[in-house]
Amino acid sequence: MTQIDFSKYVEVIHDWPEPGSAVCDISRLLEHPTVFHHAVAALAKPFLDVQPNKVIGIEQRGLALGSAIAYYLGCGIVPARSIAYLPDDYSRPVEFLPSKKFVDRRLALVADSIDPGDRVAIVDDWLVQGTSVLAVEKIVEKLGATIVGVACVINNLTEARRKLLGRPEIIALIENLVAPKE
């Protein structure tokens, strides 16, 4: 497989959504067919040994990337998505995840998408605090399933934050991204 410097396809946007904060935009990685293909293969292949049967993709870019990884692995995809509300007649059980990351919405997943005994891989774009992954992990365990690993484009978790996750296998394209402030 061709060696790709995935960091060339990531843009760090400083002082957004507020001064002192930053977000990483992986849109260029997703847009470039060859880079996207190699990213999916690099993130999916390590999961072949642990054989997940479900992939949870965390809103938004984690869901896009997670869908491709699930397809590669022959797994189902379960969205952990931000929603503002559910209609009164929505019939499937929903678990809301405790996260303040989505200001006007709540992160949720459909509970009956995860069965007891499922082997679940979680996919997100950028791990800094791991808050969303930790929330998903708690719901998955509550539902009787097991986390077999986490995949992300960028892993900036500290050792202390990684301990909170219980040390699952974390597969990343980029470790400890430090982007100079322009």
N, C-alpha and C. Protein backbone atom coordinates (compact mmCIF):
# COMPACT_ATOMS: atom_id res chain seq x y z
N MET A 1 0.84 -1.18 0.00
CA MET A 1 0.00 0.00 0.00
C MET A 1 0.89 1.25 0.00
N THR A 2 0.48 2.23 -0.73
CA THR A 2 1.21 3.49 -0.84
C THR A 2 1.23 4.19 0.52
N GLN A 3 2.39 4.76 0.85
CA GLN A 3 2.48 5.55 2.08
C GLN A 3 1.90 6.94 1.81
N ILE A 4 0.94 7.33 2.62
CA ILE A 4 0.29 8.62 2.46
C ILE A 4 0.46 9.40 3.75
N ASP A 5 0.82 10.66 3.62
CA ASP A 5 0.88 11.55 4.77
C ASP A 5 -0.53 12.13 4.94
N PHE A 6 -1.33 11.45 5.77
CA PHE A 6 -2.73 11.85 5.94
C PHE A 6 -2.87 13.25 6.52
N SER A 7 -1.84 13.72 7.24
CA SER A 7 -1.94 15.06 7.84
C SER A 7 -2.05 16.15 6.78
N LYS A 8 -1.62 15.87 5.57
CA LYS A 8 -1.74 16.85 4.48
C LYS A 8 -3.20 17.05 4.06
N TYR A 9 -4.08 16.15 4.50
CA TYR A 9 -5.49 16.21 4.11
C TYR A 9 -6.39 16.61 5.28
N VAL A 10 -5.76 17.16 6.33
CA VAL A 10 -6.49 17.60 7.51
C VAL A 10 -6.21 19.08 7.71
N GLU A 11 -7.26 19.82 7.96
CA GLU A 11 -7.12 21.25 8.23
C GLU A 11 -7.55 21.53 9.66
N VAL A 12 -6.67 22.19 10.41
CA VAL A 12 -7.02 22.61 11.76
C VAL A 12 -7.56 24.02 11.69
N ILE A 13 -8.75 24.20 12.21
CA ILE A 13 -9.39 25.51 12.21
C ILE A 13 -9.32 26.03 13.65
N HIS A 14 -8.50 27.04 13.84
CA HIS A 14 -8.27 27.60 15.18
C HIS A 14 -9.35 28.61 15.54
N ASP A 15 -9.54 28.77 16.84
CA ASP A 15 -10.47 29.76 17.40
C ASP A 15 -11.89 29.57 16.89
N TRP A 16 -12.27 28.32 16.74
CA TRP A 16 -13.65 28.01 16.36
C TRP A 16 -14.07 26.75 17.09
N PRO A 17 -15.21 26.65 17.63
CA PRO A 17 -16.35 27.56 17.53
C PRO A 17 -16.26 28.76 18.46
N GLU A 18 -15.20 28.83 19.26
CA GLU A 18 -15.00 29.99 20.14
C GLU A 18 -13.51 30.23 20.27
N PRO A 19 -13.10 31.42 20.68
CA PRO A 19 -11.67 31.70 20.84
C PRO A 19 -11.01 30.69 21.78
N GLY A 20 -9.84 30.23 21.38
CA GLY A 20 -9.10 29.24 22.17
C GLY A 20 -9.43 27.80 21.83
N SER A 21 -10.50 27.56 21.09
CA SER A 21 -10.88 26.21 20.68
C SER A 21 -10.37 25.95 19.27
N ALA A 22 -10.41 24.70 18.89
CA ALA A 22 -10.03 24.33 17.53
C ALA A 22 -10.81 23.09 17.12
N VAL A 23 -10.99 22.94 15.83
CA VAL A 23 -11.58 21.73 15.26
C VAL A 23 -10.69 21.27 14.12
N CYS A 24 -10.74 19.98 13.85
CA CYS A 24 -10.03 19.43 12.70
C CYS A 24 -11.05 19.07 11.64
N ASP A 25 -10.80 19.52 10.44
CA ASP A 25 -11.68 19.23 9.31
C ASP A 25 -10.99 18.18 8.44
N ILE A 26 -11.63 17.01 8.33
CA ILE A 26 -11.06 15.93 7.52
C ILE A 26 -11.74 15.84 6.15
N SER A 27 -12.46 16.89 5.78
CA SER A 27 -13.22 16.86 4.51
C SER A 27 -12.34 16.53 3.31
N ARG A 28 -11.14 17.10 3.25
CA ARG A 28 -10.28 16.82 2.09
C ARG A 28 -9.88 15.34 2.03
N LEU A 29 -9.69 14.72 3.17
CA LEU A 29 -9.39 13.29 3.21
C LEU A 29 -10.56 12.49 2.64
N LEU A 30 -11.78 12.88 3.00
CA LEU A 30 -12.97 12.19 2.51
C LEU A 30 -13.23 12.45 1.03
N GLU A 31 -12.85 13.62 0.55
CA GLU A 31 -13.13 14.02 -0.83
C GLU A 31 -12.19 13.38 -1.86
N HIS A 32 -10.99 13.07 -1.46
CA HIS A 32 -9.97 12.56 -2.38
C HIS A 32 -10.10 11.04 -2.47
N PRO A 33 -10.54 10.48 -3.60
CA PRO A 33 -10.85 9.04 -3.68
C PRO A 33 -9.71 8.11 -3.26
N THR A 34 -8.51 8.36 -3.72
CA THR A 34 -7.40 7.48 -3.39
C THR A 34 -7.04 7.58 -1.92
N VAL A 35 -7.00 8.79 -1.40
CA VAL A 35 -6.67 8.99 0.01
C VAL A 35 -7.76 8.37 0.89
N PHE A 36 -9.01 8.58 0.53
CA PHE A 36 -10.13 8.01 1.29
C PHE A 36 -10.04 6.48 1.29
N HIS A 37 -9.78 5.89 0.14
CA HIS A 37 -9.65 4.44 0.03
C HIS A 37 -8.55 3.92 0.97
N HIS A 38 -7.39 4.57 0.92
CA HIS A 38 -6.28 4.13 1.76
C HIS A 38 -6.57 4.35 3.25
N ALA A 39 -7.26 5.43 3.57
CA ALA A 39 -7.62 5.69 4.97
C ALA A 39 -8.57 4.61 5.48
N VAL A 40 -9.58 4.27 4.71
CA VAL A 40 -10.53 3.24 5.12
C VAL A 40 -9.81 1.91 5.31
N ALA A 41 -8.98 1.53 4.36
CA ALA A 41 -8.25 0.25 4.47
C ALA A 41 -7.34 0.24 5.69
N ALA A 42 -6.62 1.34 5.93
CA ALA A 42 -5.70 1.40 7.07
C ALA A 42 -6.45 1.32 8.40
N LEU A 43 -7.64 1.90 8.47
CA LEU A 43 -8.40 1.86 9.71
C LEU A 43 -9.17 0.55 9.89
N ALA A 44 -9.58 -0.06 8.79
CA ALA A 44 -10.39 -1.27 8.87
C ALA A 44 -9.57 -2.54 9.07
N LYS A 45 -8.44 -2.67 8.41
CA LYS A 45 -7.67 -3.92 8.44
C LYS A 45 -7.35 -4.43 9.85
N PRO A 46 -6.95 -3.56 10.79
CA PRO A 46 -6.67 -4.09 12.14
C PRO A 46 -7.89 -4.72 12.82
N PHE A 47 -9.09 -4.36 12.39
CA PHE A 47 -10.30 -4.94 12.98
C PHE A 47 -10.60 -6.34 12.44
N LEU A 48 -9.96 -6.75 11.37
CA LEU A 48 -10.22 -8.08 10.81
C LEU A 48 -9.97 -9.17 11.85
N ASP A 49 -8.94 -8.98 12.68
CA ASP A 49 -8.60 -9.99 13.70
C ASP A 49 -9.60 -10.05 14.84
N VAL A 50 -10.24 -8.92 15.19
CA VAL A 50 -11.16 -8.90 16.35
C VAL A 50 -12.62 -9.06 15.93
N GLN A 51 -12.87 -9.08 14.66
CA GLN A 51 -14.16 -9.42 14.06
C GLN A 51 -15.38 -8.72 14.67
N PRO A 52 -15.45 -7.39 14.53
CA PRO A 52 -16.69 -6.73 14.96
C PRO A 52 -17.84 -7.10 14.03
N ASN A 53 -19.05 -7.03 14.56
CA ASN A 53 -20.21 -7.24 13.67
C ASN A 53 -21.01 -5.94 13.51
N LYS A 54 -20.66 -4.92 14.30
CA LYS A 54 -21.29 -3.60 14.17
C LYS A 54 -20.21 -2.53 14.27
N VAL A 55 -20.44 -1.45 13.56
CA VAL A 55 -19.59 -0.26 13.66
C VAL A 55 -20.50 0.89 14.04
N ILE A 56 -20.12 1.64 15.07
CA ILE A 56 -20.85 2.85 15.42
C ILE A 56 -20.04 4.03 14.91
N GLY A 57 -20.65 4.81 14.03
CA GLY A 57 -20.03 6.02 13.50
C GLY A 57 -20.59 7.23 14.22
N ILE A 58 -19.69 8.03 14.81
CA ILE A 58 -20.11 9.22 15.56
C ILE A 58 -20.23 10.40 14.61
N GLU A 59 -21.38 11.03 14.68
CA GLU A 59 -21.76 12.20 13.89
C GLU A 59 -20.59 13.11 13.61
N GLN A 60 -20.49 13.63 12.59
CA GLN A 60 -20.89 13.49 11.21
C GLN A 60 -19.82 12.75 10.42
N ARG A 61 -18.60 13.22 10.56
CA ARG A 61 -17.53 12.62 9.77
C ARG A 61 -17.20 11.20 10.22
N GLY A 62 -17.38 10.93 11.50
CA GLY A 62 -17.20 9.56 11.98
C GLY A 62 -18.23 8.61 11.41
N LEU A 63 -19.41 9.14 11.12
CA LEU A 63 -20.45 8.33 10.49
C LEU A 63 -20.10 8.05 9.03
N ALA A 64 -19.61 9.06 8.32
CA ALA A 64 -19.21 8.86 6.92
C ALA A 64 -18.07 7.85 6.84
N LEU A 65 -17.06 8.04 7.64
CA LEU A 65 -15.91 7.14 7.65
C LEU A 65 -16.31 5.76 8.18
N GLY A 66 -17.12 5.73 9.23
CA GLY A 66 -17.57 4.47 9.81
C GLY A 66 -18.38 3.64 8.84
N SER A 67 -19.18 4.29 8.00
CA SER A 67 -19.97 3.56 7.00
C SER A 67 -19.06 2.83 6.03
N ALA A 68 -18.02 3.49 5.59
CA ALA A 68 -17.08 2.85 4.66
C ALA A 68 -16.32 1.71 5.35
N ILE A 69 -15.94 1.91 6.60
CA ILE A 69 -15.24 0.86 7.34
C ILE A 69 -16.16 -0.33 7.56
N ALA A 70 -17.42 -0.07 7.91
CA ALA A 70 -18.39 -1.16 8.09
C ALA A 70 -18.56 -1.95 6.80
N TYR A 71 -18.66 -1.26 5.69
CA TYR A 71 -18.78 -1.92 4.39
C TYR A 71 -17.56 -2.80 4.12
N TYR A 72 -16.37 -2.27 4.37
CA TYR A 72 -15.11 -2.99 4.17
C TYR A 72 -15.10 -4.28 5.00
N LEU A 73 -15.60 -4.18 6.24
CA LEU A 73 -15.57 -5.32 7.16
C LEU A 73 -16.77 -6.25 7.02
N GLY A 74 -17.78 -5.83 6.26
CA GLY A 74 -19.00 -6.62 6.15
C GLY A 74 -19.86 -6.53 7.40
N CYS A 75 -19.84 -5.38 8.05
CA CYS A 75 -20.58 -5.16 9.30
C CYS A 75 -21.78 -4.26 9.05
N GLY A 76 -22.64 -4.20 10.05
CA GLY A 76 -23.70 -3.20 10.06
C GLY A 76 -23.16 -1.88 10.58
N ILE A 77 -23.80 -0.78 10.19
CA ILE A 77 -23.41 0.55 10.67
C ILE A 77 -24.53 1.09 11.56
N VAL A 78 -24.15 1.64 12.71
CA VAL A 78 -25.10 2.23 13.64
C VAL A 78 -24.69 3.69 13.83
N PRO A 79 -25.55 4.62 13.45
CA PRO A 79 -25.20 6.03 13.63
C PRO A 79 -25.37 6.49 15.08
N ALA A 80 -24.39 7.19 15.59
CA ALA A 80 -24.54 7.97 16.82
C ALA A 80 -24.64 9.39 16.31
N ARG A 81 -25.85 9.91 16.29
CA ARG A 81 -26.06 11.18 15.59
C ARG A 81 -26.68 12.21 16.52
N SER A 82 -26.47 13.45 16.15
CA SER A 82 -27.07 14.53 16.93
C SER A 82 -28.46 14.78 16.40
N ILE A 83 -29.39 14.87 17.32
CA ILE A 83 -30.77 15.12 16.94
C ILE A 83 -31.35 16.18 17.88
N ALA A 84 -32.18 17.02 17.34
CA ALA A 84 -32.80 18.06 18.15
C ALA A 84 -34.03 17.52 18.86
N TYR A 85 -34.77 16.64 18.20
CA TYR A 85 -35.98 16.09 18.78
C TYR A 85 -36.36 14.83 18.01
N LEU A 86 -37.26 14.07 18.57
CA LEU A 86 -37.83 12.91 17.89
C LEU A 86 -39.33 13.13 17.79
N PRO A 87 -39.93 12.70 16.71
CA PRO A 87 -41.40 12.84 16.64
C PRO A 87 -42.06 11.97 17.71
N ASP A 88 -43.22 12.39 18.14
CA ASP A 88 -43.95 11.65 19.19
C ASP A 88 -44.23 10.21 18.81
N ASP A 89 -44.38 9.94 17.52
CA ASP A 89 -44.73 8.58 17.09
C ASP A 89 -43.50 7.73 16.71
N TYR A 90 -42.29 8.19 17.06
CA TYR A 90 -41.10 7.40 16.78
C TYR A 90 -41.14 6.15 17.64
N SER A 91 -41.04 4.98 17.03
CA SER A 91 -41.32 3.73 17.75
C SER A 91 -40.08 3.00 18.27
N ARG A 92 -38.89 3.34 17.80
CA ARG A 92 -37.71 2.59 18.25
C ARG A 92 -37.13 3.22 19.52
N PRO A 93 -36.61 2.40 20.44
CA PRO A 93 -36.01 2.95 21.66
C PRO A 93 -34.71 3.68 21.35
N VAL A 94 -34.52 4.81 21.96
CA VAL A 94 -33.34 5.64 21.71
C VAL A 94 -32.61 5.87 23.01
N GLU A 95 -31.28 5.76 22.96
CA GLU A 95 -30.43 6.09 24.10
C GLU A 95 -29.77 7.43 23.79
N PHE A 96 -29.94 8.39 24.69
CA PHE A 96 -29.28 9.68 24.55
C PHE A 96 -27.96 9.63 25.30
N LEU A 97 -26.93 10.11 24.68
CA LEU A 97 -25.61 10.07 25.27
C LEU A 97 -25.33 11.38 25.99
N PRO A 98 -24.71 11.30 27.16
CA PRO A 98 -24.42 12.52 27.92
C PRO A 98 -23.24 13.26 27.30
N SER A 99 -23.53 14.22 26.46
CA SER A 99 -22.46 14.99 25.83
C SER A 99 -22.93 16.42 25.63
N LYS A 100 -22.08 17.36 25.97
CA LYS A 100 -22.38 18.78 25.75
C LYS A 100 -21.76 19.27 24.45
N LYS A 101 -21.18 18.35 23.69
CA LYS A 101 -20.49 18.71 22.47
C LYS A 101 -21.43 19.28 21.42
N PHE A 102 -22.66 18.82 21.40
CA PHE A 102 -23.61 19.23 20.39
C PHE A 102 -24.57 20.22 21.05
N VAL A 103 -24.27 21.49 20.93
CA VAL A 103 -24.91 22.55 21.70
C VAL A 103 -26.43 22.51 21.65
N ASP A 104 -27.03 22.50 20.47
CA ASP A 104 -28.48 22.59 20.38
C ASP A 104 -29.14 21.23 20.13
N ARG A 105 -28.37 20.19 20.19
CA ARG A 105 -28.89 18.85 19.92
C ARG A 105 -28.33 17.88 20.94
N ARG A 106 -28.81 16.66 20.90
CA ARG A 106 -28.30 15.61 21.77
C ARG A 106 -27.79 14.47 20.90
N LEU A 107 -26.72 13.86 21.34
CA LEU A 107 -26.17 12.71 20.63
C LEU A 107 -26.95 11.48 21.06
N ALA A 108 -27.41 10.70 20.09
CA ALA A 108 -28.26 9.55 20.41
C ALA A 108 -27.98 8.41 19.45
N LEU A 109 -28.33 7.20 19.90
CA LEU A 109 -28.32 6.05 19.00
C LEU A 109 -29.54 5.20 19.29
N VAL A 110 -29.99 4.50 18.28
CA VAL A 110 -31.17 3.65 18.42
C VAL A 110 -30.73 2.39 19.18
N ALA A 111 -31.32 2.19 20.35
CA ALA A 111 -30.87 1.13 21.26
C ALA A 111 -31.02 -0.27 20.68
N ASP A 112 -32.08 -0.52 19.92
CA ASP A 112 -32.24 -1.89 19.42
C ASP A 112 -31.37 -2.17 18.19
N SER A 113 -30.50 -1.22 17.85
CA SER A 113 -29.50 -1.48 16.80
C SER A 113 -28.32 -2.27 17.36
N ILE A 114 -28.19 -2.29 18.67
CA ILE A 114 -27.11 -3.01 19.34
C ILE A 114 -27.74 -4.16 20.13
N ASP A 115 -27.29 -5.36 19.85
CA ASP A 115 -27.80 -6.55 20.53
C ASP A 115 -26.81 -7.03 21.57
N PRO A 116 -27.29 -7.67 22.65
CA PRO A 116 -26.36 -8.28 23.60
C PRO A 116 -25.42 -9.25 22.85
N GLY A 117 -24.15 -9.16 23.18
CA GLY A 117 -23.17 -10.02 22.53
C GLY A 117 -22.54 -9.43 21.29
N ASP A 118 -23.07 -8.31 20.78
CA ASP A 118 -22.44 -7.67 19.62
C ASP A 118 -21.01 -7.27 19.95
N ARG A 119 -20.19 -7.30 18.91
CA ARG A 119 -18.79 -6.86 19.00
C ARG A 119 -18.72 -5.58 18.18
N VAL A 120 -18.46 -4.46 18.86
CA VAL A 120 -18.63 -3.14 18.28
C VAL A 120 -17.31 -2.40 18.14
N ALA A 121 -17.10 -1.82 16.97
CA ALA A 121 -16.00 -0.89 16.73
C ALA A 121 -16.61 0.51 16.67
N ILE A 122 -15.94 1.47 17.28
CA ILE A 122 -16.41 2.87 17.27
C ILE A 122 -15.50 3.67 16.36
N VAL A 123 -16.12 4.53 15.53
CA VAL A 123 -15.35 5.36 14.61
C VAL A 123 -15.71 6.83 14.83
N ASP A 124 -14.68 7.66 14.99
CA ASP A 124 -14.84 9.11 15.11
C ASP A 124 -13.73 9.76 14.30
N ASP A 125 -13.83 11.06 14.09
CA ASP A 125 -12.80 11.71 13.29
C ASP A 125 -11.59 12.14 14.11
N TRP A 126 -11.82 12.75 15.29
CA TRP A 126 -10.73 13.34 16.05
C TRP A 126 -10.96 13.08 17.53
N LEU A 127 -10.02 12.41 18.18
CA LEU A 127 -10.12 12.17 19.61
C LEU A 127 -9.22 13.15 20.35
N VAL A 128 -9.84 14.02 21.13
CA VAL A 128 -9.09 14.95 21.96
C VAL A 128 -9.32 14.60 23.43
N GLN A 129 -10.58 14.65 23.85
CA GLN A 129 -10.96 14.27 25.20
C GLN A 129 -11.57 12.86 25.23
N GLY A 130 -12.10 12.42 24.09
CA GLY A 130 -12.73 11.10 24.02
C GLY A 130 -14.12 11.06 24.64
N THR A 131 -14.72 12.23 24.86
CA THR A 131 -16.01 12.32 25.54
C THR A 131 -17.11 11.58 24.79
N SER A 132 -17.20 11.79 23.49
CA SER A 132 -18.24 11.12 22.71
C SER A 132 -18.01 9.61 22.67
N VAL A 133 -16.77 9.20 22.50
CA VAL A 133 -16.45 7.77 22.48
C VAL A 133 -16.77 7.14 23.84
N LEU A 134 -16.44 7.82 24.92
CA LEU A 134 -16.73 7.30 26.25
C LEU A 134 -18.24 7.17 26.46
N ALA A 135 -19.01 8.15 26.00
CA ALA A 135 -20.47 8.08 26.13
C ALA A 135 -21.03 6.91 25.33
N VAL A 136 -20.54 6.72 24.11
CA VAL A 136 -20.98 5.59 23.28
C VAL A 136 -20.60 4.28 23.96
N GLU A 137 -19.39 4.21 24.46
CA GLU A 137 -18.92 2.99 25.13
C GLU A 137 -19.84 2.61 26.30
N LYS A 138 -20.24 3.59 27.11
CA LYS A 138 -21.12 3.30 28.25
C LYS A 138 -22.47 2.77 27.80
N ILE A 139 -23.01 3.34 26.75
CA ILE A 139 -24.31 2.87 26.24
C ILE A 139 -24.17 1.45 25.68
N VAL A 140 -23.11 1.20 24.92
CA VAL A 140 -22.89 -0.12 24.32
C VAL A 140 -22.78 -1.18 25.42
N GLU A 141 -22.02 -0.88 26.46
CA GLU A 141 -21.88 -1.84 27.56
C GLU A 141 -23.20 -2.03 28.29
N LYS A 142 -23.96 -0.96 28.47
CA LYS A 142 -25.29 -1.06 29.10
C LYS A 142 -26.20 -1.99 28.30
N LEU A 143 -26.03 -2.00 26.98
CA LEU A 143 -26.86 -2.82 26.10
C LEU A 143 -26.33 -4.26 25.98
N GLY A 144 -25.23 -4.57 26.69
CA GLY A 144 -24.73 -5.94 26.73
C GLY A 144 -23.76 -6.30 25.62
N ALA A 145 -23.23 -5.30 24.94
CA ALA A 145 -22.27 -5.54 23.86
C ALA A 145 -20.86 -5.19 24.33
N THR A 146 -19.88 -5.51 23.50
CA THR A 146 -18.47 -5.30 23.83
C THR A 146 -17.82 -4.39 22.80
N ILE A 147 -17.01 -3.46 23.28
CA ILE A 147 -16.21 -2.60 22.38
C ILE A 147 -14.94 -3.37 22.05
N VAL A 148 -14.67 -3.56 20.75
CA VAL A 148 -13.45 -4.26 20.34
C VAL A 148 -12.37 -3.30 19.87
N GLY A 149 -12.69 -2.03 19.77
CA GLY A 149 -11.68 -1.05 19.38
C GLY A 149 -12.31 0.24 18.91
N VAL A 150 -11.43 1.23 18.74
CA VAL A 150 -11.82 2.56 18.29
C VAL A 150 -10.93 2.93 17.13
N ALA A 151 -11.52 3.50 16.09
CA ALA A 151 -10.75 3.99 14.94
C ALA A 151 -11.01 5.48 14.79
N CYS A 152 -9.97 6.21 14.43
CA CYS A 152 -10.12 7.65 14.22
C CYS A 152 -9.05 8.12 13.23
N VAL A 153 -9.28 9.28 12.68
CA VAL A 153 -8.27 9.88 11.82
C VAL A 153 -7.14 10.43 12.68
N ILE A 154 -7.50 11.18 13.74
CA ILE A 154 -6.52 11.84 14.58
C ILE A 154 -6.72 11.42 16.03
N ASN A 155 -5.66 10.96 16.67
CA ASN A 155 -5.71 10.58 18.08
C ASN A 155 -4.82 11.54 18.87
N ASN A 156 -5.46 12.43 19.61
CA ASN A 156 -4.74 13.36 20.49
C ASN A 156 -5.07 13.09 21.96
N LEU A 157 -5.52 11.88 22.28
CA LEU A 157 -5.84 11.55 23.66
C LEU A 157 -4.59 11.54 24.53
N THR A 158 -4.71 12.09 25.71
CA THR A 158 -3.64 11.96 26.69
C THR A 158 -3.73 10.57 27.31
N GLU A 159 -2.70 10.18 28.01
CA GLU A 159 -2.72 8.88 28.68
C GLU A 159 -3.84 8.82 29.72
N ALA A 160 -4.05 9.91 30.44
CA ALA A 160 -5.12 9.94 31.45
C ALA A 160 -6.49 9.75 30.81
N ARG A 161 -6.73 10.40 29.68
CA ARG A 161 -8.02 10.26 29.00
C ARG A 161 -8.18 8.86 28.42
N ARG A 162 -7.09 8.29 27.94
CA ARG A 162 -7.15 6.93 27.40
C ARG A 162 -7.52 5.93 28.49
N LYS A 163 -7.02 6.15 29.70
CA LYS A 163 -7.36 5.27 30.83
C LYS A 163 -8.86 5.30 31.10
N LEU A 164 -9.49 6.46 30.93
CA LEU A 164 -10.94 6.56 31.14
C LEU A 164 -11.71 5.67 30.18
N LEU A 165 -11.15 5.45 28.99
CA LEU A 165 -11.79 4.60 27.99
C LEU A 165 -11.56 3.12 28.26
N GLY A 166 -10.76 2.80 29.27
CA GLY A 166 -10.49 1.39 29.57
C GLY A 166 -9.48 0.78 28.63
N ARG A 167 -8.74 1.61 27.95
CA ARG A 167 -7.67 1.19 27.05
C ARG A 167 -8.09 0.27 25.92
N PRO A 168 -9.15 0.60 25.19
CA PRO A 168 -9.44 -0.23 24.02
C PRO A 168 -8.38 0.02 22.96
N GLU A 169 -8.25 -0.89 22.04
CA GLU A 169 -7.35 -0.70 20.91
C GLU A 169 -7.79 0.57 20.18
N ILE A 170 -6.86 1.51 19.97
CA ILE A 170 -7.17 2.73 19.22
C ILE A 170 -6.31 2.72 17.97
N ILE A 171 -6.99 2.73 16.84
CA ILE A 171 -6.33 2.74 15.54
C ILE A 171 -6.47 4.14 14.98
N ALA A 172 -5.35 4.77 14.65
CA ALA A 172 -5.39 6.15 14.16
C ALA A 172 -4.47 6.31 12.96
N LEU A 173 -4.87 7.22 12.08
CA LEU A 173 -4.02 7.56 10.94
C LEU A 173 -2.95 8.56 11.34
N ILE A 174 -3.28 9.42 12.30
CA ILE A 174 -2.38 10.48 12.75
C ILE A 174 -2.39 10.47 14.28
N GLU A 175 -1.21 10.44 14.87
CA GLU A 175 -1.09 10.50 16.33
C GLU A 175 -0.58 11.87 16.74
N ASN A 176 -1.21 12.45 17.77
CA ASN A 176 -0.75 13.69 18.39
C ASN A 176 -0.49 14.81 17.39
N LEU A 177 -1.51 15.14 16.64
CA LEU A 177 -1.41 16.21 15.66
C LEU A 177 -1.21 17.54 16.36
N VAL A 178 -0.14 18.21 15.98
CA VAL A 178 0.11 19.56 16.47
C VAL A 178 0.17 20.43 15.23
N ALA A 179 -0.78 21.32 15.14
CA ALA A 179 -0.83 22.20 13.97
C ALA A 179 -0.46 23.62 14.40
N PRO A 180 0.48 24.21 13.70
CA PRO A 180 0.85 25.57 14.07
C PRO A 180 -0.30 26.53 13.86
N LYS A 181 -0.42 27.48 14.76
CA LYS A 181 -1.45 28.49 14.63
C LYS A 181 -0.96 29.51 13.61
N GLU A 182 -1.81 29.79 12.66
CA GLU A 182 -1.40 30.69 11.58
C GLU A 182 -1.48 32.13 11.98
